[in-house]
C-alpha atoms as a PDB file:
ATOM      1  CA  MET A   1     -34.310  38.895  -9.607  1.00  0.00           C
ATOM      2  CA  THR A   2     -36.963  36.097  -8.251  1.00  0.00           C
ATOM      3  CA  ALA A   3     -36.629  34.449 -11.792  1.00  0.00           C
ATOM      4  CA  SER A   4     -33.291  33.488 -11.329  1.00  0.00           C
ATOM      5  CA  GLN A   5     -33.494  32.608  -7.665  1.00  0.00           C
ATOM      6  CA  PRO A   6     -34.898  28.988  -8.216  1.00  0.00           C
ATOM      7  CA  ASN A   7     -32.302  28.247 -10.732  1.00  0.00           C
ATOM      8  CA  ARG A   8     -29.480  29.154  -8.468  1.00  0.00           C
ATOM      9  CA  HIS A   9     -30.857  26.800  -6.015  1.00  0.00           C
ATOM     10  CA  HIS A  10     -31.369  24.260  -8.560  1.00  0.00           C
ATOM     11  CA  ALA A  11     -27.451  24.737  -9.461  1.00  0.00           C
ATOM     12  CA  ALA A  12     -26.479  24.769  -5.995  1.00  0.00           C
ATOM     13  CA  ALA A  13     -27.939  21.358  -5.698  1.00  0.00           C
ATOM     14  CA  VAL A  14     -26.861  19.934  -8.735  1.00  0.00           C
ATOM     15  CA  TRP A  15     -23.393  20.837  -7.614  1.00  0.00           C
ATOM     16  CA  ARG A  16     -24.021  19.137  -4.324  1.00  0.00           C
ATOM     17  CA  ALA A  17     -24.976  16.528  -5.714  1.00  0.00           C
ATOM     18  CA  ALA A  18     -22.275  16.014  -8.201  1.00  0.00           C
ATOM     19  CA  ARG A  19     -19.733  16.346  -5.084  1.00  0.00           C
ATOM     20  CA  GLN A  20     -21.226  14.068  -2.849  1.00  0.00           C
ATOM     21  CA  VAL A  21     -21.114  11.228  -5.891  1.00  0.00           C
ATOM     22  CA  ALA A  22     -17.508  12.346  -6.353  1.00  0.00           C
ATOM     23  CA  ALA A  23     -16.872  11.762  -2.784  1.00  0.00           C
ATOM     24  CA  ALA A  24     -18.643   8.207  -2.903  1.00  0.00           C
ATOM     25  CA  LEU A  25     -16.863   7.026  -5.871  1.00  0.00           C
ATOM     26  CA  ARG A  26     -13.346   8.474  -4.534  1.00  0.00           C
ATOM     27  CA  ALA A  27     -14.019   6.691  -1.242  1.00  0.00           C
ATOM     28  CA  ILE A  28     -15.205   3.482  -3.214  1.00  0.00           C
ATOM     29  CA  HIS A  29     -11.869   3.507  -5.593  1.00  0.00           C
ATOM     30  CA  ASP A  30     -10.060   3.917  -2.380  1.00  0.00           C
ATOM     31  CA  GLU A  31     -11.189   0.614  -0.719  1.00  0.00           C
ATOM     32  CA  GLN A  32     -10.730  -1.348  -3.777  1.00  0.00           C
ATOM     33  CA  VAL A  33      -7.073  -0.262  -3.881  1.00  0.00           C
ATOM     34  CA  LEU A  34      -6.644  -1.315  -0.425  1.00  0.00           C
ATOM     35  CA  MET A  35      -8.487  -4.783  -1.034  1.00  0.00           C
ATOM     36  CA  TRP A  36      -6.221  -5.328  -4.250  1.00  0.00           C
ATOM     37  CA  GLU A  37      -2.987  -4.571  -2.080  1.00  0.00           C
ATOM     38  CA  LEU A  38      -4.121  -6.605   0.758  1.00  0.00           C
ATOM     39  CA  PHE A  39      -5.113  -9.521  -1.650  1.00  0.00           C
ATOM     40  CA  CYS A  40      -1.568  -9.253  -3.676  1.00  0.00           C
ATOM     41  CA  GLN A  41       0.064  -9.130  -0.304  1.00  0.00           C
ATOM     42  CA  SER A  42      -1.679 -12.272   1.279  1.00  0.00           C
ATOM     43  CA  SER A  43      -0.827 -14.499  -1.577  1.00  0.00           C
ATOM     44  CA  ARG A  44       2.519 -14.055  -2.296  1.00  0.00           C
ATOM     45  CA  VAL A  45       4.694 -16.792  -2.318  1.00  0.00           C
ATOM     46  CA  ALA A  46       8.131 -17.064  -0.736  1.00  0.00           C
ATOM     47  CA  ILE A  47      10.682 -16.836  -2.784  1.00  0.00           C
ATOM     48  CA  GLU A  48      14.100 -18.525  -2.704  1.00  0.00           C
ATOM     49  CA  ARG A  49      16.920 -16.177  -2.766  1.00  0.00           C
ATOM     50  CA  THR A  50      20.258 -17.367  -3.487  1.00  0.00           C
ATOM     51  CA  GLY A  51      21.948 -13.768  -2.077  1.00  0.00           C
ATOM     52  CA  PRO A  52      22.948 -13.103   1.323  1.00  0.00           C
ATOM     53  CA  LEU A  53      20.048 -10.377   1.684  1.00  0.00           C
ATOM     54  CA  ALA A  54      16.340  -9.908   1.251  1.00  0.00           C
ATOM     55  CA  TRP A  55      13.824  -7.282   1.580  1.00  0.00           C
ATOM     56  CA  THR A  56      11.347  -8.533   3.502  1.00  0.00           C
ATOM     57  CA  PRO A  57       7.836  -7.046   4.262  1.00  0.00           C
ATOM     58  CA  SER A  58       6.964  -6.029   7.989  1.00  0.00           C
ATOM     59  CA  LEU A  59       4.513  -3.583   9.527  1.00  0.00           C
ATOM     60  CA  ASP A  60       6.657  -0.457   9.506  1.00  0.00           C
ATOM     61  CA  GLY A  61       7.626  -1.147   6.008  1.00  0.00           C
ATOM     62  CA  ARG A  62       9.875  -3.206   4.181  1.00  0.00           C
ATOM     63  CA  ARG A  63      12.744  -3.847   5.715  1.00  0.00           C
ATOM     64  CA  LEU A  64      16.567  -5.504   4.875  1.00  0.00           C
ATOM     65  CA  THR A  65      17.034  -9.061   6.691  1.00  0.00           C
ATOM     66  CA  GLY A  66      19.074 -11.946   5.732  1.00  0.00           C
ATOM     67  CA  SER A  67      22.637 -13.617   6.347  1.00  0.00           C
ATOM     68  CA  HIS A  68      24.962 -10.594   5.824  1.00  0.00           C
ATOM     69  CA  LEU A  69      27.358 -10.882   9.299  1.00  0.00           C
ATOM     70  CA  PRO A  70      29.149 -14.019  10.168  1.00  0.00           C
ATOM     71  CA  VAL A  71      27.802 -16.438  12.433  1.00  0.00           C
ATOM     72  CA  PRO A  72      29.671 -16.555  15.594  1.00  0.00           C
ATOM     73  CA  GLY A  73      29.968 -20.478  15.257  1.00  0.00           C
ATOM     74  CA  ASP A  74      31.701 -20.316  11.808  1.00  0.00           C
ATOM     75  CA  VAL A  75      34.464 -18.148  12.409  1.00  0.00           C
ATOM     76  CA  GLY A  76      37.666 -19.204  11.309  1.00  0.00           C
ATOM     77  CA  THR A  77      40.220 -19.843  14.004  1.00  0.00           C
ATOM     78  CA  GLY A  78      43.250 -19.901  11.964  1.00  0.00           C
ATOM     79  CA  ASN A  79      42.996 -23.490  11.382  1.00  0.00           C
ATOM     80  CA  THR A  80      42.186 -23.840   8.378  1.00  0.00           C
ATOM     81  CA  PRO A  81      43.341 -26.144   5.572  1.00  0.00           C
END
């Protein structure tokens, strides 16, 4: 059994190193994905929307905004021609 003992320690050390490398690569990948997402969000140009509703980004996620309700000053009084 003493001859196989160094092989087990070596195999365990190799697997431990492989797990650490995989974790480091996963962390680097996650950071790069976050960097590109933030870059794309920050370099967006406002688009003129012809419709009354639009999805706008907010801190809580995307939110529906727009002029879908009539403005109280524009309500017809019945005197329209």
